[in-house]
Amino acid sequence: EDTVVLGYHCALVRPNLKIVESRYVFRALQSSSVAYQFHVRAKGV
């Protein structure tokens, strides 16, 4: 309820509630199948 702003090094995902359930998106992003995509797409040395 307070004014909390998301900081640097993070991304904000705001689901379209007409299409998806927020808790489902959260669990999907926790899954190994999605984590695999994040890891192979990560850039840097």
ModelCIF file with pLDDT and N, C-alpha, C, O atoms, coordinates in Angstrom:
data_MODEL
#
_entry.id   MODEL 
#
_entity.id                         1 
_entity.type                       polymer 
_entity.pdbx_number_of_molecules   1 
#
_entity_poly.entity_id                      1 
_entity_poly.type                           'polypeptide(L)' 
_entity_poly.nstd_linkage                   no 
_entity_poly.nstd_monomer                   no 
_entity_poly.pdbx_seq_one_letter_code       EDTVVLGYHCALVRPNLKIVESRYVFRALQSSSVAYQFHVRAKGV 
_entity_poly.pdbx_seq_one_letter_code_can   EDTVVLGYHCALVRPNLKIVESRYVFRALQSSSVAYQFHVRAKGV 
_entity_poly.pdbx_strand_id                 A 
#
loop_
_entity_poly_seq.entity_id 
_entity_poly_seq.num 
_entity_poly_seq.mon_id 
_entity_poly_seq.hetero 
1 1  GLU n 
1 2  ASP n 
1 3  THR n 
1 4  VAL n 
1 5  VAL n 
1 6  LEU n 
1 7  GLY n 
1 8  TYR n 
1 9  HIS n 
1 10 CYS n 
1 11 ALA n 
1 12 LEU n 
1 13 VAL n 
1 14 ARG n 
1 15 PRO n 
1 16 ASN n 
1 17 LEU n 
1 18 LYS n 
1 19 ILE n 
1 20 VAL n 
1 21 GLU n 
1 22 SER n 
1 23 ARG n 
1 24 TYR n 
1 25 VAL n 
1 26 PHE n 
1 27 ARG n 
1 28 ALA n 
1 29 LEU n 
1 30 GLN n 
1 31 SER n 
1 32 SER n 
1 33 SER n 
1 34 VAL n 
1 35 ALA n 
1 36 TYR n 
1 37 GLN n 
1 38 PHE n 
1 39 HIS n 
1 40 VAL n 
1 41 ARG n 
1 42 ALA n 
1 43 LYS n 
1 44 GLY n 
1 45 VAL n 
#
_struct_asym.id          A 
_struct_asym.entity_id   1 
#
loop_
_ma_qa_metric.id 
_ma_qa_metric.mode 
_ma_qa_metric.name 
_ma_qa_metric.software_group_id 
_ma_qa_metric.type 
1 global pLDDT . pLDDT 
2 local  pLDDT . pLDDT 
#
_ma_qa_metric_global.metric_id      1 
_ma_qa_metric_global.metric_value   90.29 
_ma_qa_metric_global.model_id       1 
_ma_qa_metric_global.ordinal_id     1 
#
loop_
_ma_qa_metric_local.label_asym_id 
_ma_qa_metric_local.label_comp_id 
_ma_qa_metric_local.label_seq_id 
_ma_qa_metric_local.metric_id 
_ma_qa_metric_local.metric_value 
_ma_qa_metric_local.model_id 
_ma_qa_metric_local.ordinal_id 
A GLU 1  2 78.00 1 1  
A ASP 2  2 80.00 1 2  
A THR 3  2 88.00 1 3  
A VAL 4  2 91.00 1 4  
A VAL 5  2 92.00 1 5  
A LEU 6  2 93.00 1 6  
A GLY 7  2 90.00 1 7  
A TYR 8  2 88.00 1 8  
A HIS 9  2 90.00 1 9  
A CYS 10 2 92.00 1 10 
A ALA 11 2 94.00 1 11 
A LEU 12 2 95.00 1 12 
A VAL 13 2 96.00 1 13 
A ARG 14 2 96.00 1 14 
A PRO 15 2 96.00 1 15 
A ASN 16 2 94.00 1 16 
A LEU 17 2 91.00 1 17 
A LYS 18 2 92.00 1 18 
A ILE 19 2 91.00 1 19 
A VAL 20 2 95.00 1 20 
A GLU 21 2 95.00 1 21 
A SER 22 2 96.00 1 22 
A ARG 23 2 96.00 1 23 
A TYR 24 2 97.00 1 24 
A VAL 25 2 96.00 1 25 
A PHE 26 2 96.00 1 26 
A ARG 27 2 96.00 1 27 
A ALA 28 2 95.00 1 28 
A LEU 29 2 94.00 1 29 
A GLN 30 2 93.00 1 30 
A SER 31 2 92.00 1 31 
A SER 32 2 88.00 1 32 
A SER 33 2 85.00 1 33 
A VAL 34 2 86.00 1 34 
A ALA 35 2 86.00 1 35 
A TYR 36 2 87.00 1 36 
A GLN 37 2 90.00 1 37 
A PHE 38 2 88.00 1 38 
A HIS 39 2 85.00 1 39 
A VAL 40 2 86.00 1 40 
A ARG 41 2 87.00 1 41 
A ALA 42 2 85.00 1 42 
A LYS 43 2 86.00 1 43 
A GLY 44 2 82.00 1 44 
A VAL 45 2 74.00 1 45 
#
loop_
_atom_site.group_PDB 
_atom_site.id 
_atom_site.type_symbol 
_atom_site.label_atom_id 
_atom_site.label_alt_id 
_atom_site.label_comp_id 
_atom_site.label_asym_id 
_atom_site.label_entity_id 
_atom_site.label_seq_id 
_atom_site.pdbx_PDB_ins_code 
_atom_site.Cartn_x 
_atom_site.Cartn_y 
_atom_site.Cartn_z 
_atom_site.occupancy 
_atom_site.B_iso_or_equiv 
_atom_site.pdbx_formal_charge 
_atom_site.auth_seq_id 
_atom_site.auth_comp_id 
_atom_site.auth_asym_id 
_atom_site.auth_atom_id 
_atom_site.pdbx_PDB_model_num 
ATOM 1   N N  . GLU A 1 1  ? 0.818  -1.214  0.000   1.00 78.00 ? 1  GLU A N  1 
ATOM 2   C CA . GLU A 1 1  ? 0.000  0.000   0.000   1.00 78.00 ? 1  GLU A CA 1 
ATOM 3   C C  . GLU A 1 1  ? 0.850  1.262   0.000   1.00 78.00 ? 1  GLU A C  1 
ATOM 4   O O  . GLU A 1 1  ? 0.376  2.324   -0.403  1.00 78.00 ? 1  GLU A O  1 
ATOM 5   N N  . ASP A 1 2  ? 2.102  1.161   0.448   1.00 80.00 ? 2  ASP A N  1 
ATOM 6   C CA . ASP A 1 2  ? 2.967  2.336   0.477   1.00 80.00 ? 2  ASP A CA 1 
ATOM 7   C C  . ASP A 1 2  ? 3.513  2.644   -0.913  1.00 80.00 ? 2  ASP A C  1 
ATOM 8   O O  . ASP A 1 2  ? 3.357  1.852   -1.843  1.00 80.00 ? 2  ASP A O  1 
ATOM 9   N N  . THR A 1 3  ? 4.157  3.809   -1.043  1.00 88.00 ? 3  THR A N  1 
ATOM 10  C CA . THR A 1 3  ? 4.789  4.178   -2.312  1.00 88.00 ? 3  THR A CA 1 
ATOM 11  C C  . THR A 1 3  ? 6.150  3.505   -2.383  1.00 88.00 ? 3  THR A C  1 
ATOM 12  O O  . THR A 1 3  ? 7.146  4.018   -1.873  1.00 88.00 ? 3  THR A O  1 
ATOM 13  N N  . VAL A 1 4  ? 6.166  2.342   -3.029  1.00 91.00 ? 4  VAL A N  1 
ATOM 14  C CA . VAL A 1 4  ? 7.390  1.559   -3.182  1.00 91.00 ? 4  VAL A CA 1 
ATOM 15  C C  . VAL A 1 4  ? 7.723  1.496   -4.661  1.00 91.00 ? 4  VAL A C  1 
ATOM 16  O O  . VAL A 1 4  ? 6.903  1.081   -5.481  1.00 91.00 ? 4  VAL A O  1 
ATOM 17  N N  . VAL A 1 5  ? 8.950  1.918   -4.995  1.00 92.00 ? 5  VAL A N  1 
ATOM 18  C CA . VAL A 1 5  ? 9.399  1.968   -6.382  1.00 92.00 ? 5  VAL A CA 1 
ATOM 19  C C  . VAL A 1 5  ? 10.416 0.850   -6.612  1.00 92.00 ? 5  VAL A C  1 
ATOM 20  O O  . VAL A 1 5  ? 11.265 0.589   -5.760  1.00 92.00 ? 5  VAL A O  1 
ATOM 21  N N  . LEU A 1 6  ? 10.326 0.200   -7.756  1.00 93.00 ? 6  LEU A N  1 
ATOM 22  C CA . LEU A 1 6  ? 11.260 -0.871  -8.090  1.00 93.00 ? 6  LEU A CA 1 
ATOM 23  C C  . LEU A 1 6  ? 12.596 -0.291  -8.527  1.00 93.00 ? 6  LEU A C  1 
ATOM 24  O O  . LEU A 1 6  ? 12.646 0.643   -9.328  1.00 93.00 ? 6  LEU A O  1 
ATOM 25  N N  . GLY A 1 7  ? 13.677 -0.851  -7.996  1.00 90.00 ? 7  GLY A N  1 
ATOM 26  C CA . GLY A 1 7  ? 15.005 -0.317  -8.251  1.00 90.00 ? 7  GLY A CA 1 
ATOM 27  C C  . GLY A 1 7  ? 15.719 -0.926  -9.443  1.00 90.00 ? 7  GLY A C  1 
ATOM 28  O O  . GLY A 1 7  ? 15.249 -1.866  -10.083 1.00 90.00 ? 7  GLY A O  1 
ATOM 29  N N  . TYR A 1 8  ? 16.870 -0.347  -9.706  1.00 88.00 ? 8  TYR A N  1 
ATOM 30  C CA . TYR A 1 8  ? 17.767 -0.773  -10.770 1.00 88.00 ? 8  TYR A CA 1 
ATOM 31  C C  . TYR A 1 8  ? 18.140 -2.242  -10.588 1.00 88.00 ? 8  TYR A C  1 
ATOM 32  O O  . TYR A 1 8  ? 18.073 -2.769  -9.478  1.00 88.00 ? 8  TYR A O  1 
ATOM 33  N N  . HIS A 1 9  ? 18.540 -2.911  -11.697 1.00 90.00 ? 9  HIS A N  1 
ATOM 34  C CA . HIS A 1 9  ? 18.876 -4.342  -11.732 1.00 90.00 ? 9  HIS A CA 1 
ATOM 35  C C  . HIS A 1 9  ? 17.638 -5.228  -11.694 1.00 90.00 ? 9  HIS A C  1 
ATOM 36  O O  . HIS A 1 9  ? 17.753 -6.450  -11.596 1.00 90.00 ? 9  HIS A O  1 
ATOM 37  N N  . CYS A 1 10 ? 16.437 -4.613  -11.773 1.00 92.00 ? 10 CYS A N  1 
ATOM 38  C CA . CYS A 1 10 ? 15.202 -5.396  -11.733 1.00 92.00 ? 10 CYS A CA 1 
ATOM 39  C C  . CYS A 1 10 ? 14.275 -4.985  -12.873 1.00 92.00 ? 10 CYS A C  1 
ATOM 40  O O  . CYS A 1 10 ? 14.415 -3.910  -13.456 1.00 92.00 ? 10 CYS A O  1 
ATOM 41  N N  . ALA A 1 11 ? 13.327 -5.867  -13.172 1.00 94.00 ? 11 ALA A N  1 
ATOM 42  C CA . ALA A 1 11 ? 12.306 -5.573  -14.176 1.00 94.00 ? 11 ALA A CA 1 
ATOM 43  C C  . ALA A 1 11 ? 10.930 -5.766  -13.555 1.00 94.00 ? 11 ALA A C  1 
ATOM 44  O O  . ALA A 1 11 ? 10.739 -6.619  -12.688 1.00 94.00 ? 11 ALA A O  1 
ATOM 45  N N  . LEU A 1 12 ? 9.977  -4.962  -14.010 1.00 95.00 ? 12 LEU A N  1 
ATOM 46  C CA . LEU A 1 12 ? 8.604  -5.020  -13.525 1.00 95.00 ? 12 LEU A CA 1 
ATOM 47  C C  . LEU A 1 12 ? 7.726  -5.648  -14.599 1.00 95.00 ? 12 LEU A C  1 
ATOM 48  O O  . LEU A 1 12 ? 7.686  -5.175  -15.735 1.00 95.00 ? 12 LEU A O  1 
ATOM 49  N N  . VAL A 1 13 ? 7.025  -6.713  -14.234 1.00 96.00 ? 13 VAL A N  1 
ATOM 50  C CA . VAL A 1 13 ? 6.106  -7.405  -15.145 1.00 96.00 ? 13 VAL A CA 1 
ATOM 51  C C  . VAL A 1 13 ? 4.695  -7.203  -14.597 1.00 96.00 ? 13 VAL A C  1 
ATOM 52  O O  . VAL A 1 13 ? 4.364  -7.697  -13.519 1.00 96.00 ? 13 VAL A O  1 
ATOM 53  N N  . ARG A 1 14 ? 3.860  -6.468  -15.350 1.00 96.00 ? 14 ARG A N  1 
ATOM 54  C CA . ARG A 1 14 ? 2.484  -6.204  -14.899 1.00 96.00 ? 14 ARG A CA 1 
ATOM 55  C C  . ARG A 1 14 ? 1.518  -6.953  -15.816 1.00 96.00 ? 14 ARG A C  1 
ATOM 56  O O  . ARG A 1 14 ? 1.232  -6.495  -16.922 1.00 96.00 ? 14 ARG A O  1 
ATOM 57  N N  . PRO A 1 15 ? 1.012  -8.107  -15.358 1.00 96.00 ? 15 PRO A N  1 
ATOM 58  C CA . PRO A 1 15 ? 0.162  -8.939  -16.214 1.00 96.00 ? 15 PRO A CA 1 
ATOM 59  C C  . PRO A 1 15 ? -1.145 -8.256  -16.616 1.00 96.00 ? 15 PRO A C  1 
ATOM 60  O O  . PRO A 1 15 ? -1.705 -7.474  -15.849 1.00 96.00 ? 15 PRO A O  1 
ATOM 61  N N  . ASN A 1 16 ? -1.627 -8.558  -17.826 1.00 94.00 ? 16 ASN A N  1 
ATOM 62  C CA . ASN A 1 16 ? -2.942 -8.135  -18.291 1.00 94.00 ? 16 ASN A CA 1 
ATOM 63  C C  . ASN A 1 16 ? -3.962 -9.105  -17.697 1.00 94.00 ? 16 ASN A C  1 
ATOM 64  O O  . ASN A 1 16 ? -4.094 -10.233 -18.170 1.00 94.00 ? 16 ASN A O  1 
ATOM 65  N N  . LEU A 1 17 ? -4.675 -8.673  -16.673 1.00 91.00 ? 17 LEU A N  1 
ATOM 66  C CA . LEU A 1 17 ? -5.520 -9.576  -15.895 1.00 91.00 ? 17 LEU A CA 1 
ATOM 67  C C  . LEU A 1 17 ? -6.719 -10.111 -16.675 1.00 91.00 ? 17 LEU A C  1 
ATOM 68  O O  . LEU A 1 17 ? -7.396 -11.029 -16.214 1.00 91.00 ? 17 LEU A O  1 
ATOM 69  N N  . LYS A 1 18 ? -6.987 -9.540  -17.857 1.00 92.00 ? 18 LYS A N  1 
ATOM 70  C CA . LYS A 1 18 ? -8.049 -10.080 -18.704 1.00 92.00 ? 18 LYS A CA 1 
ATOM 71  C C  . LYS A 1 18 ? -7.599 -11.365 -19.397 1.00 92.00 ? 18 LYS A C  1 
ATOM 72  O O  . LYS A 1 18 ? -8.411 -12.162 -19.868 1.00 92.00 ? 18 LYS A O  1 
ATOM 73  N N  . ILE A 1 19 ? -6.252 -11.542 -19.443 1.00 91.00 ? 19 ILE A N  1 
ATOM 74  C CA . ILE A 1 19 ? -5.692 -12.685 -20.167 1.00 91.00 ? 19 ILE A CA 1 
ATOM 75  C C  . ILE A 1 19 ? -5.048 -13.694 -19.226 1.00 91.00 ? 19 ILE A C  1 
ATOM 76  O O  . ILE A 1 19 ? -5.160 -14.904 -19.420 1.00 91.00 ? 19 ILE A O  1 
ATOM 77  N N  . VAL A 1 20 ? -4.375 -13.181 -18.208 1.00 95.00 ? 20 VAL A N  1 
ATOM 78  C CA . VAL A 1 20 ? -3.584 -14.062 -17.344 1.00 95.00 ? 20 VAL A CA 1 
ATOM 79  C C  . VAL A 1 20 ? -3.811 -13.757 -15.864 1.00 95.00 ? 20 VAL A C  1 
ATOM 80  O O  . VAL A 1 20 ? -4.152 -12.636 -15.486 1.00 95.00 ? 20 VAL A O  1 
ATOM 81  N N  . GLU A 1 21 ? -3.614 -14.764 -15.056 1.00 95.00 ? 21 GLU A N  1 
ATOM 82  C CA . GLU A 1 21 ? -3.621 -14.668 -13.608 1.00 95.00 ? 21 GLU A CA 1 
ATOM 83  C C  . GLU A 1 21 ? -2.204 -14.353 -13.144 1.00 95.00 ? 21 GLU A C  1 
ATOM 84  O O  . GLU A 1 21 ? -1.263 -15.062 -13.502 1.00 95.00 ? 21 GLU A O  1 
ATOM 85  N N  . SER A 1 22 ? -2.045 -13.295 -12.351 1.00 96.00 ? 22 SER A N  1 
ATOM 86  C CA . SER A 1 22 ? -0.708 -12.870 -11.909 1.00 96.00 ? 22 SER A CA 1 
ATOM 87  C C  . SER A 1 22 ? 0.066  -13.993 -11.241 1.00 96.00 ? 22 SER A C  1 
ATOM 88  O O  . SER A 1 22 ? 1.257  -14.174 -11.494 1.00 96.00 ? 22 SER A O  1 
ATOM 89  N N  . ARG A 1 23 ? -0.625 -14.755 -10.376 1.00 96.00 ? 23 ARG A N  1 
ATOM 90  C CA . ARG A 1 23 ? 0.059  -15.822 -9.657  1.00 96.00 ? 23 ARG A CA 1 
ATOM 91  C C  . ARG A 1 23 ? 0.542  -16.909 -10.604 1.00 96.00 ? 23 ARG A C  1 
ATOM 92  O O  . ARG A 1 23 ? 1.564  -17.546 -10.350 1.00 96.00 ? 23 ARG A O  1 
ATOM 93  N N  . TYR A 1 24 ? -0.187 -17.125 -11.699 1.00 97.00 ? 24 TYR A N  1 
ATOM 94  C CA . TYR A 1 24 ? 0.262  -18.113 -12.684 1.00 97.00 ? 24 TYR A CA 1 
ATOM 95  C C  . TYR A 1 24 ? 1.509  -17.615 -13.412 1.00 97.00 ? 24 TYR A C  1 
ATOM 96  O O  . TYR A 1 24 ? 2.450  -18.380 -13.625 1.00 97.00 ? 24 TYR A O  1 
ATOM 97  N N  . VAL A 1 25 ? 1.519  -16.333 -13.796 1.00 96.00 ? 25 VAL A N  1 
ATOM 98  C CA . VAL A 1 25 ? 2.707  -15.772 -14.457 1.00 96.00 ? 25 VAL A CA 1 
ATOM 99  C C  . VAL A 1 25 ? 3.921  -15.907 -13.535 1.00 96.00 ? 25 VAL A C  1 
ATOM 100 O O  . VAL A 1 25 ? 5.008  -16.279 -13.977 1.00 96.00 ? 25 VAL A O  1 
ATOM 101 N N  . PHE A 1 26 ? 3.728  -15.606 -12.272 1.00 96.00 ? 26 PHE A N  1 
ATOM 102 C CA . PHE A 1 26 ? 4.809  -15.739 -11.287 1.00 96.00 ? 26 PHE A CA 1 
ATOM 103 C C  . PHE A 1 26 ? 5.347  -17.165 -11.261 1.00 96.00 ? 26 PHE A C  1 
ATOM 104 O O  . PHE A 1 26 ? 6.560  -17.370 -11.306 1.00 96.00 ? 26 PHE A O  1 
ATOM 105 N N  . ARG A 1 27 ? 4.450  -18.156 -11.187 1.00 96.00 ? 27 ARG A N  1 
ATOM 106 C CA . ARG A 1 27 ? 4.896  -19.546 -11.139 1.00 96.00 ? 27 ARG A CA 1 
ATOM 107 C C  . ARG A 1 27 ? 5.539  -19.971 -12.463 1.00 96.00 ? 27 ARG A C  1 
ATOM 108 O O  . ARG A 1 27 ? 6.506  -20.733 -12.464 1.00 96.00 ? 27 ARG A O  1 
ATOM 109 N N  . ALA A 1 28 ? 5.014  -19.487 -13.573 1.00 95.00 ? 28 ALA A N  1 
ATOM 110 C CA . ALA A 1 28 ? 5.610  -19.814 -14.865 1.00 95.00 ? 28 ALA A CA 1 
ATOM 111 C C  . ALA A 1 28 ? 7.045  -19.289 -14.952 1.00 95.00 ? 28 ALA A C  1 
ATOM 112 O O  . ALA A 1 28 ? 7.937  -19.956 -15.477 1.00 95.00 ? 28 ALA A O  1 
ATOM 113 N N  . LEU A 1 29 ? 7.249  -18.063 -14.419 1.00 94.00 ? 29 LEU A N  1 
ATOM 114 C CA . LEU A 1 29 ? 8.591  -17.478 -14.457 1.00 94.00 ? 29 LEU A CA 1 
ATOM 115 C C  . LEU A 1 29 ? 9.532  -18.154 -13.460 1.00 94.00 ? 29 LEU A C  1 
ATOM 116 O O  . LEU A 1 29 ? 10.750 -18.011 -13.567 1.00 94.00 ? 29 LEU A O  1 
ATOM 117 N N  . GLN A 1 30 ? 8.982  -18.884 -12.498 1.00 93.00 ? 30 GLN A N  1 
ATOM 118 C CA . GLN A 1 30 ? 9.804  -19.665 -11.576 1.00 93.00 ? 30 GLN A CA 1 
ATOM 119 C C  . GLN A 1 30 ? 10.215 -21.013 -12.155 1.00 93.00 ? 30 GLN A C  1 
ATOM 120 O O  . GLN A 1 30 ? 11.137 -21.650 -11.645 1.00 93.00 ? 30 GLN A O  1 
ATOM 121 N N  . SER A 1 31 ? 9.550  -21.448 -13.198 1.00 92.00 ? 31 SER A N  1 
ATOM 122 C CA . SER A 1 31 ? 9.760  -22.809 -13.688 1.00 92.00 ? 31 SER A CA 1 
ATOM 123 C C  . SER A 1 31 ? 11.094 -22.950 -14.408 1.00 92.00 ? 31 SER A C  1 
ATOM 124 O O  . SER A 1 31 ? 11.649 -21.974 -14.913 1.00 92.00 ? 31 SER A O  1 
ATOM 125 N N  . SER A 1 32 ? 11.595 -24.174 -14.447 1.00 88.00 ? 32 SER A N  1 
ATOM 126 C CA . SER A 1 32 ? 12.896 -24.434 -15.085 1.00 88.00 ? 32 SER A CA 1 
ATOM 127 C C  . SER A 1 32 ? 12.860 -24.163 -16.580 1.00 88.00 ? 32 SER A C  1 
ATOM 128 O O  . SER A 1 32 ? 13.883 -23.809 -17.166 1.00 88.00 ? 32 SER A O  1 
ATOM 129 N N  . SER A 1 33 ? 11.682 -24.324 -17.218 1.00 85.00 ? 33 SER A N  1 
ATOM 130 C CA . SER A 1 33 ? 11.593 -24.100 -18.658 1.00 85.00 ? 33 SER A CA 1 
ATOM 131 C C  . SER A 1 33 ? 11.809 -22.631 -19.012 1.00 85.00 ? 33 SER A C  1 
ATOM 132 O O  . SER A 1 33 ? 12.448 -22.318 -20.017 1.00 85.00 ? 33 SER A O  1 
ATOM 133 N N  . VAL A 1 34 ? 11.274 -21.731 -18.182 1.00 86.00 ? 34 VAL A N  1 
ATOM 134 C CA . VAL A 1 34 ? 11.478 -20.301 -18.420 1.00 86.00 ? 34 VAL A CA 1 
ATOM 135 C C  . VAL A 1 34 ? 12.884 -19.905 -17.993 1.00 86.00 ? 34 VAL A C  1 
ATOM 136 O O  . VAL A 1 34 ? 13.547 -19.129 -18.681 1.00 86.00 ? 34 VAL A O  1 
ATOM 137 N N  . ALA A 1 35 ? 13.342 -20.431 -16.862 1.00 86.00 ? 35 ALA A N  1 
ATOM 138 C CA . ALA A 1 35 ? 14.699 -20.124 -16.399 1.00 86.00 ? 35 ALA A CA 1 
ATOM 139 C C  . ALA A 1 35 ? 15.730 -20.488 -17.456 1.00 86.00 ? 35 ALA A C  1 
ATOM 140 O O  . ALA A 1 35 ? 16.735 -19.793 -17.612 1.00 86.00 ? 35 ALA A O  1 
ATOM 141 N N  . TYR A 1 36 ? 15.486 -21.573 -18.181 1.00 87.00 ? 36 TYR A N  1 
ATOM 142 C CA . TYR A 1 36 ? 16.399 -21.976 -19.254 1.00 87.00 ? 36 TYR A CA 1 
ATOM 143 C C  . TYR A 1 36 ? 16.517 -20.871 -20.302 1.00 87.00 ? 36 TYR A C  1 
ATOM 144 O O  . TYR A 1 36 ? 17.613 -20.574 -20.777 1.00 87.00 ? 36 TYR A O  1 
ATOM 145 N N  . GLN A 1 37 ? 15.396 -20.270 -20.656 1.00 90.00 ? 37 GLN A N  1 
ATOM 146 C CA . GLN A 1 37 ? 15.431 -19.189 -21.647 1.00 90.00 ? 37 GLN A CA 1 
ATOM 147 C C  . GLN A 1 37 ? 16.226 -17.991 -21.137 1.00 90.00 ? 37 GLN A C  1 
ATOM 148 O O  . GLN A 1 37 ? 17.027 -17.409 -21.869 1.00 90.00 ? 37 GLN A O  1 
ATOM 149 N N  . PHE A 1 38 ? 16.000 -17.631 -19.885 1.00 88.00 ? 38 PHE A N  1 
ATOM 150 C CA . PHE A 1 38 ? 16.733 -16.507 -19.306 1.00 88.00 ? 38 PHE A CA 1 
ATOM 151 C C  . PHE A 1 38 ? 18.240 -16.762 -19.336 1.00 88.00 ? 38 PHE A C  1 
ATOM 152 O O  . PHE A 1 38 ? 19.022 -15.876 -19.680 1.00 88.00 ? 38 PHE A O  1 
ATOM 153 N N  . HIS A 1 39 ? 18.629 -17.963 -18.976 1.00 85.00 ? 39 HIS A N  1 
ATOM 154 C CA . HIS A 1 39 ? 20.054 -18.260 -18.867 1.00 85.00 ? 39 HIS A CA 1 
ATOM 155 C C  . HIS A 1 39 ? 20.752 -18.297 -20.229 1.00 85.00 ? 39 HIS A C  1 
ATOM 156 O O  . HIS A 1 39 ? 21.884 -17.829 -20.351 1.00 85.00 ? 39 HIS A O  1 
ATOM 157 N N  . VAL A 1 40 ? 20.092 -18.846 -21.255 1.00 86.00 ? 40 VAL A N  1 
ATOM 158 C CA . VAL A 1 40 ? 20.737 -18.901 -22.568 1.00 86.00 ? 40 VAL A CA 1 
ATOM 159 C C  . VAL A 1 40 ? 20.721 -17.545 -23.263 1.00 86.00 ? 40 VAL A C  1 
ATOM 160 O O  . VAL A 1 40 ? 21.522 -17.305 -24.166 1.00 86.00 ? 40 VAL A O  1 
ATOM 161 N N  . ARG A 1 41 ? 19.825 -16.665 -22.856 1.00 87.00 ? 41 ARG A N  1 
ATOM 162 C CA . ARG A 1 41 ? 19.744 -15.353 -23.479 1.00 87.00 ? 41 ARG A CA 1 
ATOM 163 C C  . ARG A 1 41 ? 20.557 -14.286 -22.744 1.00 87.00 ? 41 ARG A C  1 
ATOM 164 O O  . ARG A 1 41 ? 20.708 -13.172 -23.243 1.00 87.00 ? 41 ARG A O  1 
ATOM 165 N N  . ALA A 1 42 ? 21.068 -14.613 -21.589 1.00 85.00 ? 42 ALA A N  1 
ATOM 166 C CA . ALA A 1 42 ? 21.841 -13.640 -20.810 1.00 85.00 ? 42 ALA A CA 1 
ATOM 167 C C  . ALA A 1 42 ? 23.100 -13.238 -21.566 1.00 85.00 ? 42 ALA A C  1 
ATOM 168 O O  . ALA A 1 42 ? 23.780 -14.080 -22.152 1.00 85.00 ? 42 ALA A O  1 
ATOM 169 N N  . LYS A 1 43 ? 23.400 -11.963 -21.547 1.00 86.00 ? 43 LYS A N  1 
ATOM 170 C CA . LYS A 1 43 ? 24.578 -11.420 -22.215 1.00 86.00 ? 43 LYS A CA 1 
ATOM 171 C C  . LYS A 1 43 ? 25.581 -10.931 -21.180 1.00 86.00 ? 43 LYS A C  1 
ATOM 172 O O  . LYS A 1 43 ? 25.200 -10.473 -20.103 1.00 86.00 ? 43 LYS A O  1 
ATOM 173 N N  . GLY A 1 44 ? 26.858 -11.030 -21.512 1.00 82.00 ? 44 GLY A N  1 
ATOM 174 C CA . GLY A 1 44 ? 27.875 -10.483 -20.634 1.00 82.00 ? 44 GLY A CA 1 
ATOM 175 C C  . GLY A 1 44 ? 29.053 -11.412 -20.465 1.00 82.00 ? 44 GLY A C  1 
ATOM 176 O O  . GLY A 1 44 ? 29.039 -12.559 -20.910 1.00 82.00 ? 44 GLY A O  1 
ATOM 177 N N  . VAL A 1 45 ? 30.097 -10.877 -19.797 1.00 74.00 ? 45 VAL A N  1 
ATOM 178 C CA . VAL A 1 45 ? 31.312 -11.642 -19.537 1.00 74.00 ? 45 VAL A CA 1 
ATOM 179 C C  . VAL A 1 45 ? 31.538 -11.739 -18.026 1.00 74.00 ? 45 VAL A C  1 
ATOM 180 O O  . VAL A 1 45 ? 32.514 -12.347 -17.586 1.00 74.00 ? 45 VAL A O  1 
#
